[in-house]
Amino acid sequence: MMNFYKKILFIIIPIIIWISMLEIFSFFIWSIRISDYTKNNIKALCRQNFEEPKDLPNTFWHHEPNPAYQKYEGIINSKGTKGEDFLIPKSKSELRIICIGDSTTEGIGVSPNETFPVFLEEKLGAVIKEISGYKTVKVINAGIRSHNSAFNLSYLAFRLIHYQPDIVIIKTSYNDYLPYCIPGMRFDYTNAFPRPYHFESCRNPFWLIARYSFF
């Protein structure tokens, strides 16, 4: 009987030691290798106390602008899209269009009033009564820099579809093919998630430890 218990101990003790080592290594990685910016986003995702990050990480899609971020005041509305706020449910007399895509849709480097969704709304607004039964048109700029087609689809399915669009315009290209046309190029989304979530980093045993234990 004693031999049986000894065998059990010989199995359990190494497991406990191994798990402890995992935690020590992962804590070391969190403390030394992870940037404060990424830590802040992880805390935001876990709903811990944190300073307001520029982007909010999400489970099903990459990230989205944070309306509470001070530099986004007056630019990002309460729904998390660029431009003026809008009502839900929408009026039956309103034609609602949602534009999703990457930085060219969001309009990186230009003001909210210089993006193509704004120009589209202006053009359609001038003729909408003549060409349809709608009285007004609202074009929502839901573009987010660095999003690819997979993120766009998730964002649409889990969030944007609830904004009641009549039409969805999708722009995606560059972020889909770029990592595959340049040797050694990989996506780098460290502004939203830590390195363990990336394919290249998962080959590193230290990141695997961090991913499956401390994180």
N, C-alpha and C. Protein backbone atom coordinates (compact mmCIF):
# COMPACT_ATOMS: atom_id res chain seq x y z
N MET A 1 0.82 -1.20 0.00
CA MET A 1 0.00 0.00 0.00
C MET A 1 0.86 1.25 0.00
N MET A 2 1.95 1.21 0.80
CA MET A 2 2.85 2.35 0.87
C MET A 2 3.49 2.60 -0.49
N ASN A 3 3.82 1.54 -1.20
CA ASN A 3 4.42 1.69 -2.53
C ASN A 3 3.46 2.39 -3.49
N PHE A 4 2.17 2.09 -3.31
CA PHE A 4 1.16 2.73 -4.15
C PHE A 4 1.15 4.24 -3.91
N TYR A 5 1.15 4.65 -2.62
CA TYR A 5 1.14 6.07 -2.29
C TYR A 5 2.43 6.76 -2.76
N LYS A 6 3.53 6.05 -2.67
CA LYS A 6 4.78 6.62 -3.14
C LYS A 6 4.74 6.88 -4.65
N LYS A 7 4.15 5.96 -5.36
CA LYS A 7 4.03 6.13 -6.80
C LYS A 7 3.16 7.35 -7.13
N ILE A 8 2.08 7.48 -6.35
CA ILE A 8 1.19 8.64 -6.55
C ILE A 8 1.95 9.93 -6.30
N LEU A 9 2.73 9.96 -5.21
CA LEU A 9 3.51 11.16 -4.88
C LEU A 9 4.53 11.47 -5.96
N PHE A 10 5.15 10.43 -6.49
CA PHE A 10 6.15 10.63 -7.54
C PHE A 10 5.52 11.22 -8.81
N ILE A 11 4.23 10.98 -8.98
CA ILE A 11 3.53 11.55 -10.13
C ILE A 11 3.06 12.98 -9.84
N ILE A 12 2.49 13.17 -8.64
CA ILE A 12 1.89 14.46 -8.29
C ILE A 12 2.94 15.54 -8.08
N ILE A 13 4.00 15.21 -7.36
CA ILE A 13 5.02 16.22 -7.03
C ILE A 13 5.65 16.84 -8.28
N PRO A 14 6.09 16.04 -9.26
CA PRO A 14 6.63 16.68 -10.48
C PRO A 14 5.62 17.57 -11.19
N ILE A 15 4.34 17.17 -11.15
CA ILE A 15 3.31 18.00 -11.79
C ILE A 15 3.20 19.34 -11.08
N ILE A 16 3.20 19.31 -9.74
CA ILE A 16 3.11 20.55 -8.97
C ILE A 16 4.32 21.44 -9.24
N ILE A 17 5.49 20.83 -9.28
CA ILE A 17 6.72 21.59 -9.57
C ILE A 17 6.65 22.20 -10.96
N TRP A 18 6.17 21.42 -11.92
CA TRP A 18 6.09 21.90 -13.31
C TRP A 18 5.12 23.07 -13.43
N ILE A 19 3.96 22.96 -12.77
CA ILE A 19 2.97 24.04 -12.80
C ILE A 19 3.54 25.30 -12.14
N SER A 20 4.24 25.11 -11.03
CA SER A 20 4.85 26.25 -10.34
C SER A 20 5.87 26.95 -11.23
N MET A 21 6.63 26.16 -11.94
CA MET A 21 7.62 26.75 -12.86
C MET A 21 6.93 27.52 -13.99
N LEU A 22 5.81 26.99 -14.46
CA LEU A 22 5.05 27.69 -15.48
C LEU A 22 4.60 29.05 -14.99
N GLU A 23 4.10 29.09 -13.77
CA GLU A 23 3.63 30.34 -13.23
C GLU A 23 4.77 31.33 -13.02
N ILE A 24 5.89 30.85 -12.57
CA ILE A 24 7.05 31.73 -12.34
C ILE A 24 7.52 32.32 -13.67
N PHE A 25 7.65 31.47 -14.68
CA PHE A 25 8.09 31.95 -15.99
C PHE A 25 7.08 32.93 -16.59
N SER A 26 5.79 32.60 -16.48
CA SER A 26 4.78 33.47 -17.06
C SER A 26 4.71 34.81 -16.34
N PHE A 27 4.89 34.79 -15.03
CA PHE A 27 4.91 36.05 -14.28
C PHE A 27 6.12 36.89 -14.70
N PHE A 28 7.24 36.23 -14.96
CA PHE A 28 8.44 36.93 -15.42
C PHE A 28 8.18 37.58 -16.78
N ILE A 29 7.51 36.85 -17.66
CA ILE A 29 7.21 37.39 -18.99
C ILE A 29 6.27 38.58 -18.87
N TRP A 30 5.24 38.45 -18.05
CA TRP A 30 4.28 39.55 -17.85
C TRP A 30 5.00 40.79 -17.32
N SER A 31 5.90 40.59 -16.38
CA SER A 31 6.56 41.72 -15.72
C SER A 31 7.63 42.38 -16.59
N ILE A 32 8.32 41.58 -17.39
CA ILE A 32 9.48 42.09 -18.12
C ILE A 32 9.20 42.33 -19.60
N ARG A 33 8.51 41.39 -20.25
CA ARG A 33 8.42 41.41 -21.71
C ARG A 33 7.19 42.12 -22.26
N ILE A 34 6.10 42.19 -21.49
CA ILE A 34 4.87 42.78 -21.98
C ILE A 34 4.88 44.29 -21.74
N SER A 35 4.56 45.06 -22.76
CA SER A 35 4.56 46.52 -22.63
C SER A 35 3.39 46.97 -21.76
N ASP A 36 3.53 48.15 -21.17
CA ASP A 36 2.46 48.70 -20.34
C ASP A 36 1.19 48.92 -21.16
N TYR A 37 1.37 49.28 -22.43
CA TYR A 37 0.21 49.53 -23.29
C TYR A 37 -0.60 48.25 -23.49
N THR A 38 0.10 47.13 -23.73
CA THR A 38 -0.58 45.85 -23.91
C THR A 38 -1.19 45.37 -22.60
N LYS A 39 -0.48 45.56 -21.49
CA LYS A 39 -1.03 45.17 -20.18
C LYS A 39 -2.34 45.90 -19.93
N ASN A 40 -2.36 47.16 -20.28
CA ASN A 40 -3.55 47.97 -20.05
C ASN A 40 -4.74 47.44 -20.84
N ASN A 41 -4.50 47.00 -22.07
CA ASN A 41 -5.57 46.45 -22.88
C ASN A 41 -6.05 45.10 -22.35
N ILE A 42 -5.12 44.30 -21.83
CA ILE A 42 -5.49 43.01 -21.24
C ILE A 42 -6.37 43.24 -20.02
N LYS A 43 -5.98 44.22 -19.20
CA LYS A 43 -6.78 44.54 -18.01
C LYS A 43 -8.17 45.03 -18.42
N ALA A 44 -8.22 45.78 -19.52
CA ALA A 44 -9.50 46.27 -20.00
C ALA A 44 -10.38 45.10 -20.43
N LEU A 45 -9.77 44.14 -21.13
CA LEU A 45 -10.50 42.96 -21.59
C LEU A 45 -11.02 42.15 -20.41
N CYS A 46 -10.24 42.12 -19.33
CA CYS A 46 -10.61 41.35 -18.13
C CYS A 46 -11.43 42.18 -17.15
N ARG A 47 -11.77 43.42 -17.56
CA ARG A 47 -12.58 44.30 -16.74
C ARG A 47 -11.93 44.62 -15.39
N GLN A 48 -10.60 44.76 -15.38
CA GLN A 48 -9.91 45.17 -14.18
C GLN A 48 -9.74 46.68 -14.19
N ASN A 49 -9.21 47.24 -13.09
CA ASN A 49 -8.96 48.67 -13.04
C ASN A 49 -7.88 49.03 -14.05
N PHE A 50 -8.12 50.05 -14.85
CA PHE A 50 -7.17 50.40 -15.89
C PHE A 50 -7.38 51.85 -16.32
N GLU A 51 -6.33 52.43 -16.87
CA GLU A 51 -6.47 53.73 -17.50
C GLU A 51 -7.13 53.51 -18.86
N GLU A 52 -7.86 54.51 -19.32
CA GLU A 52 -8.59 54.35 -20.57
C GLU A 52 -7.63 54.14 -21.74
N PRO A 53 -7.69 52.97 -22.39
CA PRO A 53 -6.83 52.72 -23.55
C PRO A 53 -7.43 53.35 -24.81
N LYS A 54 -6.62 53.51 -25.82
CA LYS A 54 -7.08 54.07 -27.09
C LYS A 54 -8.01 53.10 -27.79
N ASP A 55 -7.68 51.80 -27.74
CA ASP A 55 -8.49 50.77 -28.37
C ASP A 55 -8.99 49.78 -27.33
N LEU A 56 -10.20 49.31 -27.52
CA LEU A 56 -10.76 48.29 -26.65
C LEU A 56 -10.64 46.93 -27.32
N PRO A 57 -9.96 45.97 -26.69
CA PRO A 57 -9.86 44.63 -27.28
C PRO A 57 -11.18 43.88 -27.15
N ASN A 58 -11.43 42.99 -28.09
CA ASN A 58 -12.65 42.21 -28.09
C ASN A 58 -12.34 40.74 -28.28
N THR A 59 -13.29 39.91 -27.89
CA THR A 59 -13.09 38.47 -27.99
C THR A 59 -13.23 37.98 -29.42
N PHE A 60 -14.20 38.50 -30.14
CA PHE A 60 -14.53 37.94 -31.46
C PHE A 60 -13.93 38.72 -32.62
N TRP A 61 -13.52 39.98 -32.39
CA TRP A 61 -12.84 40.72 -33.43
C TRP A 61 -11.66 41.44 -32.79
N HIS A 62 -10.83 42.02 -33.60
CA HIS A 62 -9.55 42.56 -33.19
C HIS A 62 -9.67 43.61 -32.09
N HIS A 63 -10.13 44.79 -32.42
CA HIS A 63 -10.30 45.85 -31.45
C HIS A 63 -11.24 46.89 -32.03
N GLU A 64 -11.60 47.87 -31.23
CA GLU A 64 -12.42 48.97 -31.71
C GLU A 64 -12.02 50.24 -30.96
N PRO A 65 -12.25 51.40 -31.54
CA PRO A 65 -11.91 52.65 -30.84
C PRO A 65 -12.68 52.78 -29.55
N ASN A 66 -12.04 53.36 -28.56
CA ASN A 66 -12.66 53.55 -27.25
C ASN A 66 -13.23 54.97 -27.16
N PRO A 67 -14.56 55.12 -27.09
CA PRO A 67 -15.16 56.45 -27.04
C PRO A 67 -14.71 57.27 -25.82
N ALA A 68 -14.26 56.58 -24.76
CA ALA A 68 -13.85 57.28 -23.54
C ALA A 68 -12.42 57.81 -23.61
N TYR A 69 -11.70 57.43 -24.65
CA TYR A 69 -10.32 57.90 -24.79
C TYR A 69 -10.33 59.39 -25.08
N GLN A 70 -9.53 60.16 -24.32
CA GLN A 70 -9.62 61.62 -24.36
C GLN A 70 -9.39 62.22 -25.75
N LYS A 71 -8.49 61.63 -26.54
CA LYS A 71 -8.20 62.18 -27.86
C LYS A 71 -9.28 61.86 -28.88
N TYR A 72 -10.23 61.00 -28.49
CA TYR A 72 -11.33 60.66 -29.38
C TYR A 72 -12.58 61.49 -29.09
N GLU A 73 -12.49 62.40 -28.16
CA GLU A 73 -13.64 63.21 -27.79
C GLU A 73 -14.15 63.99 -29.00
N GLY A 74 -15.41 63.81 -29.32
CA GLY A 74 -15.99 64.49 -30.46
C GLY A 74 -15.72 63.81 -31.78
N ILE A 75 -14.94 62.73 -31.77
CA ILE A 75 -14.61 62.01 -33.00
C ILE A 75 -15.28 60.64 -33.04
N ILE A 76 -15.18 59.90 -31.92
CA ILE A 76 -15.81 58.59 -31.81
C ILE A 76 -17.09 58.72 -30.99
N ASN A 77 -18.19 58.27 -31.54
CA ASN A 77 -19.47 58.40 -30.84
C ASN A 77 -19.68 57.29 -29.82
N SER A 78 -20.82 57.30 -29.15
CA SER A 78 -21.09 56.33 -28.08
C SER A 78 -21.22 54.91 -28.59
N LYS A 79 -21.44 54.74 -29.88
CA LYS A 79 -21.55 53.39 -30.48
C LYS A 79 -20.17 52.85 -30.89
N GLY A 80 -19.13 53.69 -30.77
CA GLY A 80 -17.78 53.23 -31.11
C GLY A 80 -17.40 53.44 -32.56
N THR A 81 -18.20 54.19 -33.32
CA THR A 81 -17.88 54.46 -34.72
C THR A 81 -17.48 55.92 -34.88
N LYS A 82 -16.84 56.22 -36.00
CA LYS A 82 -16.33 57.57 -36.24
C LYS A 82 -17.42 58.46 -36.81
N GLY A 83 -17.61 59.62 -36.19
CA GLY A 83 -18.63 60.54 -36.67
C GLY A 83 -19.73 60.80 -35.66
N GLU A 84 -20.78 61.44 -36.10
CA GLU A 84 -21.88 61.80 -35.20
C GLU A 84 -22.63 60.55 -34.73
N ASP A 85 -23.26 60.69 -33.55
CA ASP A 85 -24.02 59.57 -32.98
C ASP A 85 -25.30 59.35 -33.80
N PHE A 86 -25.94 58.21 -33.57
CA PHE A 86 -27.17 57.88 -34.29
C PHE A 86 -28.09 57.11 -33.37
N LEU A 87 -29.34 57.03 -33.75
CA LEU A 87 -30.36 56.44 -32.89
C LEU A 87 -30.60 54.97 -33.22
N ILE A 88 -30.95 54.22 -32.18
CA ILE A 88 -31.39 52.83 -32.32
C ILE A 88 -32.65 52.68 -31.47
N PRO A 89 -33.77 52.25 -32.03
CA PRO A 89 -33.96 51.85 -33.43
C PRO A 89 -33.97 53.06 -34.36
N LYS A 90 -33.68 52.81 -35.61
CA LYS A 90 -33.64 53.89 -36.59
C LYS A 90 -35.05 54.19 -37.10
N SER A 91 -35.21 55.37 -37.63
CA SER A 91 -36.49 55.77 -38.21
C SER A 91 -36.75 54.98 -39.49
N LYS A 92 -38.02 54.67 -39.74
CA LYS A 92 -38.39 53.96 -40.96
C LYS A 92 -38.15 54.80 -42.21
N SER A 93 -38.07 56.10 -42.02
CA SER A 93 -37.85 56.99 -43.17
C SER A 93 -36.37 57.20 -43.47
N GLU A 94 -35.51 56.55 -42.68
CA GLU A 94 -34.06 56.73 -42.86
C GLU A 94 -33.44 55.52 -43.57
N LEU A 95 -32.66 55.80 -44.59
CA LEU A 95 -31.84 54.77 -45.23
C LEU A 95 -30.51 54.74 -44.48
N ARG A 96 -30.20 53.60 -43.86
CA ARG A 96 -28.98 53.50 -43.06
C ARG A 96 -27.96 52.60 -43.76
N ILE A 97 -26.78 53.16 -43.98
CA ILE A 97 -25.68 52.45 -44.62
C ILE A 97 -24.51 52.37 -43.65
N ILE A 98 -23.92 51.20 -43.52
CA ILE A 98 -22.74 51.04 -42.68
C ILE A 98 -21.56 50.68 -43.56
N CYS A 99 -20.48 51.45 -43.41
CA CYS A 99 -19.24 51.18 -44.14
C CYS A 99 -18.25 50.53 -43.19
N ILE A 100 -17.81 49.33 -43.53
CA ILE A 100 -16.81 48.66 -42.70
C ILE A 100 -15.56 48.43 -43.54
N GLY A 101 -14.43 48.38 -42.85
CA GLY A 101 -13.17 48.20 -43.56
C GLY A 101 -11.99 48.55 -42.68
N ASP A 102 -10.89 48.92 -43.32
CA ASP A 102 -9.65 49.18 -42.58
C ASP A 102 -9.41 50.68 -42.43
N SER A 103 -8.14 51.08 -42.40
CA SER A 103 -7.78 52.47 -42.14
C SER A 103 -8.27 53.43 -43.22
N THR A 104 -8.39 52.95 -44.45
CA THR A 104 -8.86 53.84 -45.51
C THR A 104 -10.35 54.16 -45.35
N THR A 105 -11.08 53.24 -44.74
CA THR A 105 -12.49 53.52 -44.43
C THR A 105 -12.59 54.42 -43.20
N GLU A 106 -11.84 54.08 -42.17
CA GLU A 106 -11.85 54.90 -40.96
C GLU A 106 -11.38 56.32 -41.27
N GLY A 107 -10.40 56.43 -42.15
CA GLY A 107 -9.90 57.74 -42.51
C GLY A 107 -8.74 58.19 -41.64
N ILE A 108 -7.73 57.34 -41.53
CA ILE A 108 -6.55 57.69 -40.75
C ILE A 108 -5.83 58.88 -41.40
N GLY A 109 -5.54 59.88 -40.60
CA GLY A 109 -4.81 61.04 -41.11
C GLY A 109 -5.69 62.17 -41.61
N VAL A 110 -7.01 61.95 -41.61
CA VAL A 110 -7.92 63.02 -42.03
C VAL A 110 -8.95 63.23 -40.93
N SER A 111 -9.63 64.34 -40.98
CA SER A 111 -10.66 64.63 -39.99
C SER A 111 -11.89 63.78 -40.25
N PRO A 112 -12.78 63.63 -39.26
CA PRO A 112 -13.99 62.82 -39.45
C PRO A 112 -14.84 63.29 -40.63
N ASN A 113 -14.76 64.56 -40.95
CA ASN A 113 -15.58 65.11 -42.04
C ASN A 113 -14.93 64.95 -43.41
N GLU A 114 -13.77 64.30 -43.47
CA GLU A 114 -13.08 64.13 -44.74
C GLU A 114 -13.00 62.66 -45.17
N THR A 115 -13.77 61.81 -44.53
CA THR A 115 -13.76 60.39 -44.88
C THR A 115 -14.78 60.12 -45.99
N PHE A 116 -14.60 59.02 -46.72
CA PHE A 116 -15.50 58.77 -47.84
C PHE A 116 -16.93 58.47 -47.39
N PRO A 117 -17.19 57.87 -46.18
CA PRO A 117 -18.58 57.71 -45.75
C PRO A 117 -19.31 59.05 -45.60
N VAL A 118 -18.58 60.08 -45.19
CA VAL A 118 -19.19 61.41 -45.06
C VAL A 118 -19.57 61.96 -46.43
N PHE A 119 -18.66 61.82 -47.39
CA PHE A 119 -18.96 62.29 -48.75
C PHE A 119 -20.10 61.50 -49.37
N LEU A 120 -20.15 60.20 -49.08
CA LEU A 120 -21.23 59.37 -49.59
C LEU A 120 -22.57 59.84 -49.03
N GLU A 121 -22.61 60.15 -47.76
CA GLU A 121 -23.84 60.63 -47.14
C GLU A 121 -24.28 61.96 -47.75
N GLU A 122 -23.32 62.83 -48.01
CA GLU A 122 -23.65 64.13 -48.60
C GLU A 122 -24.23 63.94 -50.01
N LYS A 123 -23.61 63.09 -50.79
CA LYS A 123 -24.07 62.87 -52.17
C LYS A 123 -25.47 62.24 -52.20
N LEU A 124 -25.66 61.21 -51.37
CA LEU A 124 -26.96 60.53 -51.35
C LEU A 124 -28.04 61.40 -50.73
N GLY A 125 -27.64 62.18 -49.72
CA GLY A 125 -28.61 63.03 -49.04
C GLY A 125 -29.26 64.03 -49.96
N ALA A 126 -28.53 64.44 -50.99
CA ALA A 126 -29.05 65.45 -51.92
C ALA A 126 -30.09 64.90 -52.87
N VAL A 127 -30.09 63.55 -53.06
CA VAL A 127 -30.99 62.97 -54.06
C VAL A 127 -31.86 61.85 -53.51
N ILE A 128 -31.73 61.54 -52.21
CA ILE A 128 -32.38 60.35 -51.66
C ILE A 128 -33.90 60.37 -51.84
N LYS A 129 -34.54 61.54 -51.72
CA LYS A 129 -35.98 61.63 -51.86
C LYS A 129 -36.43 61.36 -53.29
N GLU A 130 -35.56 61.71 -54.23
CA GLU A 130 -35.91 61.57 -55.63
C GLU A 130 -35.76 60.12 -56.13
N ILE A 131 -34.82 59.38 -55.54
CA ILE A 131 -34.51 58.04 -56.07
C ILE A 131 -35.07 56.92 -55.20
N SER A 132 -35.67 57.26 -54.06
CA SER A 132 -36.20 56.21 -53.17
C SER A 132 -37.35 56.75 -52.34
N GLY A 133 -37.89 55.87 -51.51
CA GLY A 133 -38.97 56.28 -50.62
C GLY A 133 -38.48 56.81 -49.29
N TYR A 134 -37.15 56.87 -49.12
CA TYR A 134 -36.59 57.37 -47.88
C TYR A 134 -36.52 58.90 -47.89
N LYS A 135 -36.59 59.48 -46.70
CA LYS A 135 -36.51 60.93 -46.57
C LYS A 135 -35.09 61.39 -46.19
N THR A 136 -34.39 60.54 -45.45
CA THR A 136 -33.03 60.88 -45.02
C THR A 136 -32.11 59.70 -45.21
N VAL A 137 -30.80 59.95 -45.18
CA VAL A 137 -29.81 58.89 -45.28
C VAL A 137 -28.75 59.09 -44.22
N LYS A 138 -28.34 58.00 -43.60
CA LYS A 138 -27.28 58.04 -42.59
C LYS A 138 -26.23 57.02 -42.98
N VAL A 139 -24.99 57.49 -43.21
CA VAL A 139 -23.89 56.60 -43.53
C VAL A 139 -22.97 56.53 -42.32
N ILE A 140 -22.81 55.35 -41.76
CA ILE A 140 -22.01 55.15 -40.54
C ILE A 140 -20.62 54.67 -40.91
N ASN A 141 -19.63 55.36 -40.41
CA ASN A 141 -18.23 54.98 -40.65
C ASN A 141 -17.79 54.02 -39.55
N ALA A 142 -17.80 52.71 -39.85
CA ALA A 142 -17.39 51.69 -38.89
C ALA A 142 -16.04 51.10 -39.26
N GLY A 143 -15.25 51.82 -40.04
CA GLY A 143 -13.92 51.34 -40.39
C GLY A 143 -12.98 51.39 -39.20
N ILE A 144 -12.09 50.40 -39.11
CA ILE A 144 -11.10 50.34 -38.03
C ILE A 144 -9.76 49.95 -38.62
N ARG A 145 -8.76 50.75 -38.35
CA ARG A 145 -7.43 50.51 -38.91
C ARG A 145 -6.94 49.10 -38.59
N SER A 146 -6.28 48.50 -39.55
CA SER A 146 -5.65 47.17 -39.49
C SER A 146 -6.63 46.01 -39.52
N HIS A 147 -7.93 46.28 -39.59
CA HIS A 147 -8.89 45.17 -39.71
C HIS A 147 -8.77 44.51 -41.08
N ASN A 148 -8.91 43.18 -41.08
CA ASN A 148 -8.97 42.46 -42.35
C ASN A 148 -10.39 41.91 -42.52
N SER A 149 -10.61 41.09 -43.54
CA SER A 149 -11.96 40.62 -43.82
C SER A 149 -12.54 39.78 -42.69
N ALA A 150 -11.69 39.00 -42.01
CA ALA A 150 -12.17 38.17 -40.90
C ALA A 150 -12.67 39.04 -39.75
N PHE A 151 -11.90 40.07 -39.41
CA PHE A 151 -12.32 40.97 -38.35
C PHE A 151 -13.57 41.74 -38.75
N ASN A 152 -13.63 42.15 -40.01
CA ASN A 152 -14.81 42.88 -40.49
C ASN A 152 -16.07 42.03 -40.34
N LEU A 153 -15.96 40.76 -40.69
CA LEU A 153 -17.12 39.86 -40.61
C LEU A 153 -17.57 39.69 -39.16
N SER A 154 -16.61 39.48 -38.26
CA SER A 154 -16.95 39.31 -36.84
C SER A 154 -17.57 40.58 -36.28
N TYR A 155 -16.98 41.72 -36.63
CA TYR A 155 -17.48 43.01 -36.15
C TYR A 155 -18.91 43.24 -36.63
N LEU A 156 -19.17 42.90 -37.88
CA LEU A 156 -20.51 43.05 -38.43
C LEU A 156 -21.50 42.12 -37.75
N ALA A 157 -21.10 40.86 -37.57
CA ALA A 157 -22.03 39.85 -37.04
C ALA A 157 -22.35 40.08 -35.57
N PHE A 158 -21.37 40.52 -34.79
CA PHE A 158 -21.58 40.61 -33.35
C PHE A 158 -21.93 42.01 -32.87
N ARG A 159 -21.71 43.02 -33.68
CA ARG A 159 -21.98 44.38 -33.22
C ARG A 159 -22.77 45.21 -34.22
N LEU A 160 -22.22 45.37 -35.41
CA LEU A 160 -22.78 46.35 -36.34
C LEU A 160 -24.17 45.98 -36.86
N ILE A 161 -24.45 44.68 -36.94
CA ILE A 161 -25.76 44.26 -37.45
C ILE A 161 -26.88 44.79 -36.56
N HIS A 162 -26.58 45.04 -35.29
CA HIS A 162 -27.59 45.54 -34.35
C HIS A 162 -27.86 47.03 -34.52
N TYR A 163 -27.07 47.68 -35.38
CA TYR A 163 -27.29 49.09 -35.68
C TYR A 163 -28.28 49.26 -36.83
N GLN A 164 -28.88 48.16 -37.27
CA GLN A 164 -29.99 48.13 -38.23
C GLN A 164 -29.64 48.73 -39.60
N PRO A 165 -28.57 48.26 -40.22
CA PRO A 165 -28.24 48.78 -41.55
C PRO A 165 -29.17 48.24 -42.63
N ASP A 166 -29.48 49.08 -43.61
CA ASP A 166 -30.19 48.63 -44.80
C ASP A 166 -29.20 48.15 -45.85
N ILE A 167 -28.03 48.76 -45.85
CA ILE A 167 -26.97 48.42 -46.80
C ILE A 167 -25.64 48.37 -46.04
N VAL A 168 -24.79 47.41 -46.37
CA VAL A 168 -23.46 47.31 -45.79
C VAL A 168 -22.44 47.38 -46.92
N ILE A 169 -21.51 48.33 -46.80
CA ILE A 169 -20.44 48.47 -47.78
C ILE A 169 -19.15 47.98 -47.13
N ILE A 170 -18.50 47.02 -47.77
CA ILE A 170 -17.29 46.40 -47.21
C ILE A 170 -16.09 46.75 -48.08
N LYS A 171 -15.08 47.29 -47.45
CA LYS A 171 -13.82 47.55 -48.15
C LYS A 171 -12.72 46.78 -47.44
N THR A 172 -12.11 45.83 -48.12
CA THR A 172 -11.01 45.09 -47.52
C THR A 172 -10.10 44.59 -48.63
N SER A 173 -8.81 44.65 -48.41
CA SER A 173 -7.85 44.15 -49.40
C SER A 173 -6.46 44.08 -48.80
N TYR A 174 -5.91 45.23 -48.52
CA TYR A 174 -4.49 45.34 -48.15
C TYR A 174 -4.13 44.47 -46.95
N ASN A 175 -4.93 44.51 -45.90
CA ASN A 175 -4.60 43.77 -44.69
C ASN A 175 -4.79 42.27 -44.84
N ASP A 176 -5.48 41.84 -45.90
CA ASP A 176 -5.64 40.42 -46.15
C ASP A 176 -4.42 39.81 -46.83
N TYR A 177 -3.85 40.53 -47.79
CA TYR A 177 -2.76 39.92 -48.56
C TYR A 177 -1.37 40.34 -48.13
N LEU A 178 -1.23 41.46 -47.41
CA LEU A 178 0.09 41.97 -47.08
C LEU A 178 0.99 40.96 -46.37
N PRO A 179 0.52 40.26 -45.32
CA PRO A 179 1.41 39.34 -44.60
C PRO A 179 1.87 38.16 -45.46
N TYR A 180 1.17 37.90 -46.55
CA TYR A 180 1.50 36.72 -47.34
C TYR A 180 2.32 37.06 -48.60
N CYS A 181 2.48 38.35 -48.89
CA CYS A 181 3.22 38.72 -50.09
C CYS A 181 4.64 39.18 -49.77
N ILE A 182 4.95 39.32 -48.49
CA ILE A 182 6.30 39.73 -48.08
C ILE A 182 6.91 38.63 -47.23
N PRO A 183 8.03 38.05 -47.63
CA PRO A 183 8.66 36.96 -46.85
C PRO A 183 8.94 37.39 -45.41
N GLY A 184 8.50 36.56 -44.47
CA GLY A 184 8.75 36.84 -43.07
C GLY A 184 7.79 37.82 -42.43
N MET A 185 6.87 38.38 -43.23
CA MET A 185 5.92 39.35 -42.70
C MET A 185 4.80 38.63 -41.97
N ARG A 186 4.43 39.14 -40.81
CA ARG A 186 3.32 38.58 -40.04
C ARG A 186 2.50 39.71 -39.45
N PHE A 187 1.24 39.44 -39.16
CA PHE A 187 0.42 40.43 -38.48
C PHE A 187 0.99 40.72 -37.09
N ASP A 188 0.93 41.96 -36.67
CA ASP A 188 1.39 42.34 -35.33
C ASP A 188 0.30 43.16 -34.67
N TYR A 189 -0.49 42.49 -33.82
CA TYR A 189 -1.60 43.16 -33.16
C TYR A 189 -1.34 43.33 -31.67
N THR A 190 -0.12 43.67 -31.31
CA THR A 190 0.23 43.80 -29.89
C THR A 190 -0.48 44.95 -29.22
N ASN A 191 -1.07 45.87 -30.01
CA ASN A 191 -1.82 46.95 -29.38
C ASN A 191 -3.13 46.45 -28.79
N ALA A 192 -3.55 45.24 -29.18
CA ALA A 192 -4.79 44.70 -28.64
C ALA A 192 -4.58 43.44 -27.81
N PHE A 193 -3.67 42.57 -28.26
CA PHE A 193 -3.44 41.32 -27.56
C PHE A 193 -1.95 41.09 -27.37
N PRO A 194 -1.57 40.34 -26.35
CA PRO A 194 -0.15 40.06 -26.12
C PRO A 194 0.40 39.10 -27.17
N ARG A 195 1.70 39.03 -27.27
CA ARG A 195 2.35 38.23 -28.29
C ARG A 195 1.95 36.75 -28.32
N PRO A 196 1.59 36.13 -27.19
CA PRO A 196 1.25 34.70 -27.26
C PRO A 196 0.11 34.38 -28.22
N TYR A 197 -0.69 35.37 -28.59
CA TYR A 197 -1.82 35.11 -29.46
C TYR A 197 -1.43 35.09 -30.93
N HIS A 198 -0.15 35.36 -31.24
CA HIS A 198 0.29 35.40 -32.61
C HIS A 198 0.97 34.08 -32.97
N PHE A 199 0.77 33.67 -34.20
CA PHE A 199 1.29 32.39 -34.66
C PHE A 199 2.80 32.28 -34.46
N GLU A 200 3.52 33.32 -34.87
CA GLU A 200 4.98 33.27 -34.81
C GLU A 200 5.46 33.13 -33.37
N SER A 201 4.82 33.85 -32.44
CA SER A 201 5.26 33.83 -31.05
C SER A 201 4.91 32.53 -30.35
N CYS A 202 3.87 31.85 -30.83
CA CYS A 202 3.46 30.62 -30.18
C CYS A 202 4.51 29.52 -30.33
N ARG A 203 5.47 29.71 -31.23
CA ARG A 203 6.55 28.74 -31.34
C ARG A 203 7.56 28.91 -30.21
N ASN A 204 7.51 30.05 -29.56
CA ASN A 204 8.42 30.33 -28.46
C ASN A 204 7.88 29.69 -27.18
N PRO A 205 8.60 28.76 -26.56
CA PRO A 205 8.06 28.05 -25.39
C PRO A 205 7.73 28.97 -24.23
N PHE A 206 8.46 30.07 -24.08
CA PHE A 206 8.17 31.00 -22.99
C PHE A 206 6.80 31.65 -23.18
N TRP A 207 6.45 31.97 -24.44
CA TRP A 207 5.15 32.56 -24.70
C TRP A 207 4.04 31.53 -24.52
N LEU A 208 4.32 30.28 -24.83
CA LEU A 208 3.34 29.24 -24.60
C LEU A 208 3.04 29.10 -23.11
N ILE A 209 4.09 29.20 -22.30
CA ILE A 209 3.91 29.14 -20.85
C ILE A 209 3.01 30.27 -20.39
N ALA A 210 3.32 31.47 -20.88
CA ALA A 210 2.53 32.64 -20.49
C ALA A 210 1.08 32.52 -20.94
N ARG A 211 0.90 31.97 -22.12
CA ARG A 211 -0.46 31.88 -22.66
C ARG A 211 -1.33 30.94 -21.85
N TYR A 212 -0.80 29.82 -21.45
CA TYR A 212 -1.62 28.78 -20.83
C TYR A 212 -1.59 28.78 -19.31
N SER A 213 -0.85 29.71 -18.72
CA SER A 213 -0.86 29.72 -17.25
C SER A 213 -1.25 31.09 -16.72
N PHE A 214 -0.29 31.98 -16.62
CA PHE A 214 -0.55 33.25 -15.95
C PHE A 214 -1.63 34.06 -16.64
N PHE A 215 -1.70 34.03 -17.96
CA PHE A 215 -2.70 34.81 -18.66
C PHE A 215 -4.08 34.18 -18.58
